[in-house]
Protein backbone atom coordinates (compact mmCIF):
# COMPACT_ATOMS: atom_id res chain seq x y z
CA UNK A 1 -13.93 -6.98 -22.94
CA UNK A 2 -13.50 -5.49 -19.32
CA UNK A 3 -13.89 -7.75 -16.48
CA UNK A 4 -16.61 -7.24 -13.86
CA UNK A 5 -15.59 -7.21 -10.18
CA UNK A 6 -17.08 -10.67 -9.75
CA UNK A 7 -15.17 -12.11 -12.68
CA UNK A 8 -11.93 -10.41 -11.33
CA UNK A 9 -12.64 -12.01 -7.98
CA UNK A 10 -12.98 -15.40 -9.50
CA UNK A 11 -9.64 -15.04 -11.37
CA UNK A 12 -7.94 -13.94 -8.32
CA UNK A 13 -9.00 -17.07 -6.48
CA UNK A 14 -7.85 -19.12 -9.37
CA UNK A 15 -4.61 -17.51 -9.53
CA UNK A 16 -3.88 -18.15 -5.85
CA UNK A 17 -3.33 -21.75 -6.79
CA UNK A 18 -1.30 -21.03 -9.87
CA UNK A 19 2.53 -21.00 -9.84
CA UNK A 20 4.53 -17.90 -10.65
CA UNK A 21 5.75 -18.66 -14.32
CA UNK A 22 6.92 -15.33 -15.52
CA UNK A 23 9.94 -13.41 -14.00
CA UNK A 24 10.85 -9.99 -15.17
CA UNK A 25 14.46 -8.93 -14.15
CA UNK A 26 17.20 -6.50 -15.01
CA UNK A 27 16.52 -6.50 -18.65
CA UNK A 28 12.97 -5.45 -18.25
CA UNK A 29 10.23 -6.14 -20.91
CA UNK A 30 11.79 -7.69 -23.92
CA UNK A 31 10.27 -9.14 -27.12
CA UNK A 32 11.19 -12.67 -26.02
CA UNK A 33 9.29 -11.94 -22.69
CA UNK A 34 6.29 -10.84 -24.41
CA UNK A 35 6.37 -13.89 -26.58
CA UNK A 36 6.58 -16.23 -23.82
CA UNK A 37 3.80 -14.36 -21.96
CA UNK A 38 1.74 -14.73 -25.24
CA UNK A 39 2.38 -18.40 -25.37
CA UNK A 40 1.50 -19.00 -21.70
CA UNK A 41 -1.58 -16.98 -22.02
CA UNK A 42 -2.75 -19.14 -24.98
CA UNK A 43 -2.12 -22.29 -23.06
CA UNK A 44 -3.49 -21.36 -19.63
CA UNK A 45 -5.47 -18.21 -20.08
CA UNK A 46 -4.22 -17.14 -16.58
CA UNK A 47 -0.82 -16.38 -15.73
CA UNK A 48 1.08 -15.08 -12.65
CA UNK A 49 4.42 -13.22 -12.94
CA UNK A 50 6.80 -11.57 -10.56
CA UNK A 51 9.06 -8.47 -10.93
CA UNK A 52 12.48 -9.09 -9.47
CA UNK A 53 14.34 -6.30 -7.47
CA UNK A 54 16.91 -5.99 -10.23
CA UNK A 55 14.11 -4.58 -12.51
CA UNK A 56 14.01 -0.84 -12.92
CA UNK A 57 10.14 -0.92 -13.55
CA UNK A 58 7.52 -1.26 -10.81
CA UNK A 59 5.23 -4.21 -10.88
CA UNK A 60 2.31 -1.85 -11.99
CA UNK A 61 4.33 -0.57 -15.00
CA UNK A 62 5.17 -4.22 -15.92
CA UNK A 63 1.60 -5.26 -15.69
CA UNK A 64 0.30 -2.31 -17.52
CA UNK A 65 2.85 -2.71 -20.40
CA UNK A 66 2.52 -6.42 -20.66
CA UNK A 67 -1.40 -6.36 -20.71
CA UNK A 68 -1.28 -3.62 -23.57
CA UNK A 69 1.33 -5.64 -25.56
CA UNK A 70 -0.34 -8.88 -25.04
CA UNK A 71 -3.93 -7.53 -25.28
CA UNK A 72 -4.67 -9.12 -21.91
CA UNK A 73 -6.73 -8.16 -18.95
CA UNK A 74 -5.11 -7.05 -15.63
CA UNK A 75 -6.52 -9.22 -12.87
CA UNK A 76 -4.36 -7.78 -9.82
CA UNK A 77 -1.03 -6.51 -8.87
CA UNK A 78 0.03 -7.23 -5.31
CA UNK A 79 3.57 -6.58 -3.97
CA UNK A 80 6.04 -7.72 -6.64
CA UNK A 81 3.43 -9.99 -8.22
CA UNK A 82 0.96 -9.59 -11.05
CA UNK A 83 -1.83 -11.70 -12.65
CA UNK A 84 -3.05 -11.40 -16.38
CA UNK A 85 -6.00 -13.10 -18.24
CA UNK A 86 -6.68 -13.60 -21.84
CA UNK A 87 -9.37 -15.72 -23.08
CA UNK A 88 -8.57 -18.40 -25.59
CA UNK A 89 -11.15 -17.88 -28.22
CA UNK A 90 -10.71 -21.39 -29.86
CA UNK A 91 -10.29 -23.39 -26.69
CA UNK A 92 -11.52 -21.58 -23.56
CA UNK A 93 -10.31 -23.10 -20.24
CA UNK A 94 -11.88 -21.02 -17.63
CA UNK A 95 -15.62 -20.18 -17.57
CA UNK A 96 -16.07 -16.62 -16.20
CA UNK A 97 -19.20 -16.07 -13.93
CA UNK A 98 -21.76 -13.91 -15.37
CA UNK A 99 -23.15 -10.78 -13.69
CA UNK A 100 -26.74 -10.85 -12.88
CA UNK A 101 -28.60 -7.90 -14.07
CA UNK A 102 -30.35 -5.69 -11.30
CA UNK A 103 -34.08 -5.44 -12.12
């Protein structure tokens, strides 16, 4: 499910209050990192990460690969930080706004 601009905006606002819980460093994207991101997404639905200077990948590349491997939606990438969202099907915590259809 692709996010609409209103939903993305809502998630950006929620992410502003979130702590950065994922750090990608020199070792890049490992299986352990992917597992911890999946666990965080299941628990929170919205996670914020940071790419350290020692990482050889750009924040955009990290966000692209993590979103693909975790099947999550990219919310935003700003500077060295990125935000991912994945709805928990069993126990959703975030209710996304619905786009109103234009008549």
